[in-house]
Amino acid sequence: MVHNAVLVTVSLVMGTLLLLSAAQESPYPRSKRGLDLGLSRGFSGSQAAKHLMGLAAANYAGGPGRRRRHV
């Protein structure tokens, strides 16, 4: 008898939660895609860091390339 009462209580709680979640609208639009940080495509953090360091070095005035000597 106690087992049936627990099942009824659980089903009532679950039903109430389902009704509440269906009635509540989110202020944010639903998106088909989640947040993508590039980790799912095999682009590692170290690769990203090397890329950014290369870009910074290329924009640096004394950056990579042939060293020009003043005569």
N, C-alpha and C. Protein backbone atom coordinates (compact mmCIF):
# COMPACT_ATOMS: atom_id res chain seq x y z
N MET A 1 0.81 -1.20 0.00
CA MET A 1 0.00 0.00 0.00
C MET A 1 0.86 1.26 0.00
N VAL A 2 1.96 1.23 0.77
CA VAL A 2 2.86 2.39 0.82
C VAL A 2 3.52 2.60 -0.54
N HIS A 3 3.84 1.50 -1.20
CA HIS A 3 4.49 1.56 -2.50
C HIS A 3 3.59 2.29 -3.51
N ASN A 4 2.29 1.98 -3.50
CA ASN A 4 1.35 2.64 -4.41
C ASN A 4 1.23 4.12 -4.10
N ALA A 5 1.25 4.48 -2.82
CA ALA A 5 1.14 5.89 -2.44
C ALA A 5 2.36 6.67 -2.93
N VAL A 6 3.52 6.04 -2.85
CA VAL A 6 4.74 6.70 -3.33
C VAL A 6 4.67 6.90 -4.84
N LEU A 7 4.20 5.88 -5.55
CA LEU A 7 4.09 6.01 -7.00
C LEU A 7 3.10 7.10 -7.40
N VAL A 8 1.99 7.20 -6.69
CA VAL A 8 1.00 8.23 -6.99
C VAL A 8 1.59 9.61 -6.71
N THR A 9 2.31 9.75 -5.61
CA THR A 9 2.92 11.03 -5.26
C THR A 9 3.96 11.44 -6.29
N VAL A 10 4.78 10.50 -6.69
CA VAL A 10 5.81 10.79 -7.69
C VAL A 10 5.18 11.18 -9.01
N SER A 11 4.13 10.48 -9.41
CA SER A 11 3.49 10.81 -10.68
C SER A 11 2.81 12.18 -10.62
N LEU A 12 2.24 12.54 -9.47
CA LEU A 12 1.65 13.87 -9.32
C LEU A 12 2.71 14.97 -9.39
N VAL A 13 3.83 14.74 -8.74
CA VAL A 13 4.91 15.73 -8.77
C VAL A 13 5.45 15.88 -10.19
N MET A 14 5.66 14.76 -10.87
CA MET A 14 6.17 14.83 -12.24
C MET A 14 5.18 15.53 -13.17
N GLY A 15 3.90 15.24 -13.01
CA GLY A 15 2.89 15.90 -13.82
C GLY A 15 2.86 17.40 -13.58
N THR A 16 2.98 17.80 -12.32
CA THR A 16 3.00 19.22 -11.98
C THR A 16 4.22 19.90 -12.59
N LEU A 17 5.37 19.25 -12.51
CA LEU A 17 6.58 19.82 -13.09
C LEU A 17 6.47 19.96 -14.61
N LEU A 18 5.87 18.97 -15.25
CA LEU A 18 5.68 19.06 -16.69
C LEU A 18 4.75 20.20 -17.07
N LEU A 19 3.68 20.38 -16.30
CA LEU A 19 2.75 21.48 -16.58
C LEU A 19 3.43 22.83 -16.37
N LEU A 20 4.21 22.95 -15.31
CA LEU A 20 4.90 24.21 -15.04
C LEU A 20 5.93 24.52 -16.12
N SER A 21 6.67 23.53 -16.56
CA SER A 21 7.70 23.78 -17.58
C SER A 21 7.06 24.11 -18.92
N ALA A 22 5.90 23.54 -19.21
CA ALA A 22 5.22 23.84 -20.47
C ALA A 22 4.61 25.24 -20.44
N ALA A 23 4.18 25.68 -19.27
CA ALA A 23 3.53 26.98 -19.16
C ALA A 23 4.53 28.13 -19.13
N GLN A 24 5.74 27.85 -18.70
CA GLN A 24 6.73 28.91 -18.55
C GLN A 24 7.46 29.13 -19.87
N GLU A 25 7.44 30.38 -20.35
CA GLU A 25 8.15 30.70 -21.58
C GLU A 25 9.48 31.32 -21.23
N SER A 26 10.47 30.96 -21.98
CA SER A 26 11.81 31.50 -21.77
C SER A 26 11.93 32.85 -22.47
N PRO A 27 12.60 33.82 -21.86
CA PRO A 27 12.79 35.11 -22.54
C PRO A 27 13.82 35.01 -23.66
N TYR A 28 14.54 33.90 -23.73
CA TYR A 28 15.57 33.71 -24.75
C TYR A 28 15.04 32.80 -25.84
N PRO A 29 15.30 33.14 -27.10
CA PRO A 29 14.83 32.26 -28.18
C PRO A 29 15.61 30.95 -28.17
N ARG A 30 14.94 29.90 -28.57
CA ARG A 30 15.60 28.59 -28.62
C ARG A 30 16.54 28.55 -29.81
N SER A 31 17.67 27.95 -29.61
CA SER A 31 18.65 27.83 -30.68
C SER A 31 18.81 26.36 -31.05
N LYS A 32 18.99 26.10 -32.32
CA LYS A 32 19.20 24.72 -32.75
C LYS A 32 20.58 24.23 -32.34
N ARG A 33 21.50 25.16 -32.22
CA ARG A 33 22.88 24.79 -31.93
C ARG A 33 23.28 25.31 -30.56
N GLY A 34 24.15 24.56 -29.93
CA GLY A 34 24.68 24.99 -28.64
C GLY A 34 25.88 25.89 -28.85
N LEU A 35 26.49 26.25 -27.77
CA LEU A 35 27.68 27.08 -27.81
C LEU A 35 28.84 26.25 -28.34
N ASP A 36 29.48 26.73 -29.38
CA ASP A 36 30.58 25.99 -29.99
C ASP A 36 31.87 26.77 -29.78
N LEU A 37 32.80 26.17 -29.07
CA LEU A 37 34.08 26.82 -28.82
C LEU A 37 35.17 26.26 -29.72
N GLY A 38 34.81 25.49 -30.72
CA GLY A 38 35.78 24.92 -31.63
C GLY A 38 36.41 23.64 -31.13
N LEU A 39 35.99 23.16 -29.98
CA LEU A 39 36.61 21.97 -29.42
C LEU A 39 36.10 20.70 -30.07
N SER A 40 34.95 20.76 -30.70
CA SER A 40 34.37 19.56 -31.27
C SER A 40 34.98 19.20 -32.62
N ARG A 41 35.75 20.08 -33.20
CA ARG A 41 36.30 19.82 -34.53
C ARG A 41 37.79 19.52 -34.49
N GLY A 42 38.34 19.24 -33.34
CA GLY A 42 39.74 18.86 -33.25
C GLY A 42 40.70 20.03 -33.25
N PHE A 43 40.21 21.24 -33.09
CA PHE A 43 41.08 22.42 -33.05
C PHE A 43 41.43 22.67 -31.59
N SER A 44 42.62 22.28 -31.21
CA SER A 44 42.98 22.31 -29.79
C SER A 44 43.31 23.73 -29.33
N GLY A 45 43.34 23.89 -28.04
CA GLY A 45 43.69 25.19 -27.45
C GLY A 45 45.11 25.58 -27.76
N SER A 46 46.02 24.60 -27.82
CA SER A 46 47.41 24.94 -28.11
C SER A 46 47.56 25.41 -29.55
N GLN A 47 46.77 24.84 -30.45
CA GLN A 47 46.80 25.31 -31.84
C GLN A 47 46.30 26.74 -31.93
N ALA A 48 45.24 27.04 -31.20
CA ALA A 48 44.69 28.39 -31.21
C ALA A 48 45.70 29.37 -30.64
N ALA A 49 46.38 28.98 -29.56
CA ALA A 49 47.38 29.85 -28.95
C ALA A 49 48.54 30.11 -29.91
N LYS A 50 49.01 29.07 -30.60
CA LYS A 50 50.10 29.24 -31.57
C LYS A 50 49.67 30.17 -32.70
N HIS A 51 48.43 30.02 -33.14
CA HIS A 51 47.92 30.87 -34.22
C HIS A 51 47.89 32.33 -33.78
N LEU A 52 47.37 32.59 -32.58
CA LEU A 52 47.31 33.96 -32.08
C LEU A 52 48.69 34.54 -31.85
N MET A 53 49.63 33.72 -31.37
CA MET A 53 51.00 34.20 -31.17
C MET A 53 51.64 34.54 -32.52
N GLY A 54 51.35 33.74 -33.54
CA GLY A 54 51.86 34.03 -34.87
C GLY A 54 51.31 35.31 -35.44
N LEU A 55 50.02 35.55 -35.22
CA LEU A 55 49.42 36.80 -35.68
C LEU A 55 50.02 38.00 -34.96
N ALA A 56 50.23 37.85 -33.65
CA ALA A 56 50.82 38.95 -32.88
C ALA A 56 52.25 39.21 -33.34
N ALA A 57 53.01 38.15 -33.60
CA ALA A 57 54.39 38.32 -34.05
C ALA A 57 54.45 38.95 -35.44
N ALA A 58 53.49 38.61 -36.30
CA ALA A 58 53.48 39.18 -37.64
C ALA A 58 53.16 40.67 -37.61
N ASN A 59 52.39 41.10 -36.64
CA ASN A 59 52.04 42.52 -36.54
C ASN A 59 53.05 43.32 -35.74
N TYR A 60 53.98 42.65 -35.09
CA TYR A 60 54.99 43.32 -34.28
C TYR A 60 56.06 43.89 -35.21
N ALA A 61 56.48 45.12 -34.97
CA ALA A 61 57.44 45.80 -35.85
C ALA A 61 58.76 45.04 -35.94
N GLY A 62 59.25 44.51 -34.85
CA GLY A 62 60.51 43.77 -34.87
C GLY A 62 60.29 42.29 -35.03
N GLY A 63 59.15 41.93 -35.58
CA GLY A 63 58.72 40.54 -35.64
C GLY A 63 59.52 39.65 -36.56
N PRO A 64 58.96 38.53 -36.96
CA PRO A 64 59.71 37.53 -37.71
C PRO A 64 60.08 38.04 -39.10
N GLY A 65 61.01 37.36 -39.69
CA GLY A 65 61.43 37.74 -41.03
C GLY A 65 62.93 38.01 -41.05
N ARG A 66 63.40 38.41 -42.20
CA ARG A 66 64.82 38.67 -42.37
C ARG A 66 65.21 39.91 -41.59
N ARG A 67 66.33 39.82 -40.89
CA ARG A 67 66.83 40.97 -40.13
C ARG A 67 67.59 41.89 -41.08
N ARG A 68 67.20 43.10 -41.13
CA ARG A 68 67.88 44.07 -41.99
C ARG A 68 68.95 44.78 -41.18
N ARG A 69 70.13 44.80 -41.71
CA ARG A 69 71.24 45.48 -41.03
C ARG A 69 71.43 46.86 -41.65
N HIS A 70 71.56 47.80 -40.78
CA HIS A 70 71.80 49.16 -41.26
C HIS A 70 73.29 49.31 -41.52
N VAL A 71 73.63 49.83 -42.69
CA VAL A 71 75.04 49.96 -43.06
C VAL A 71 75.54 51.35 -42.80
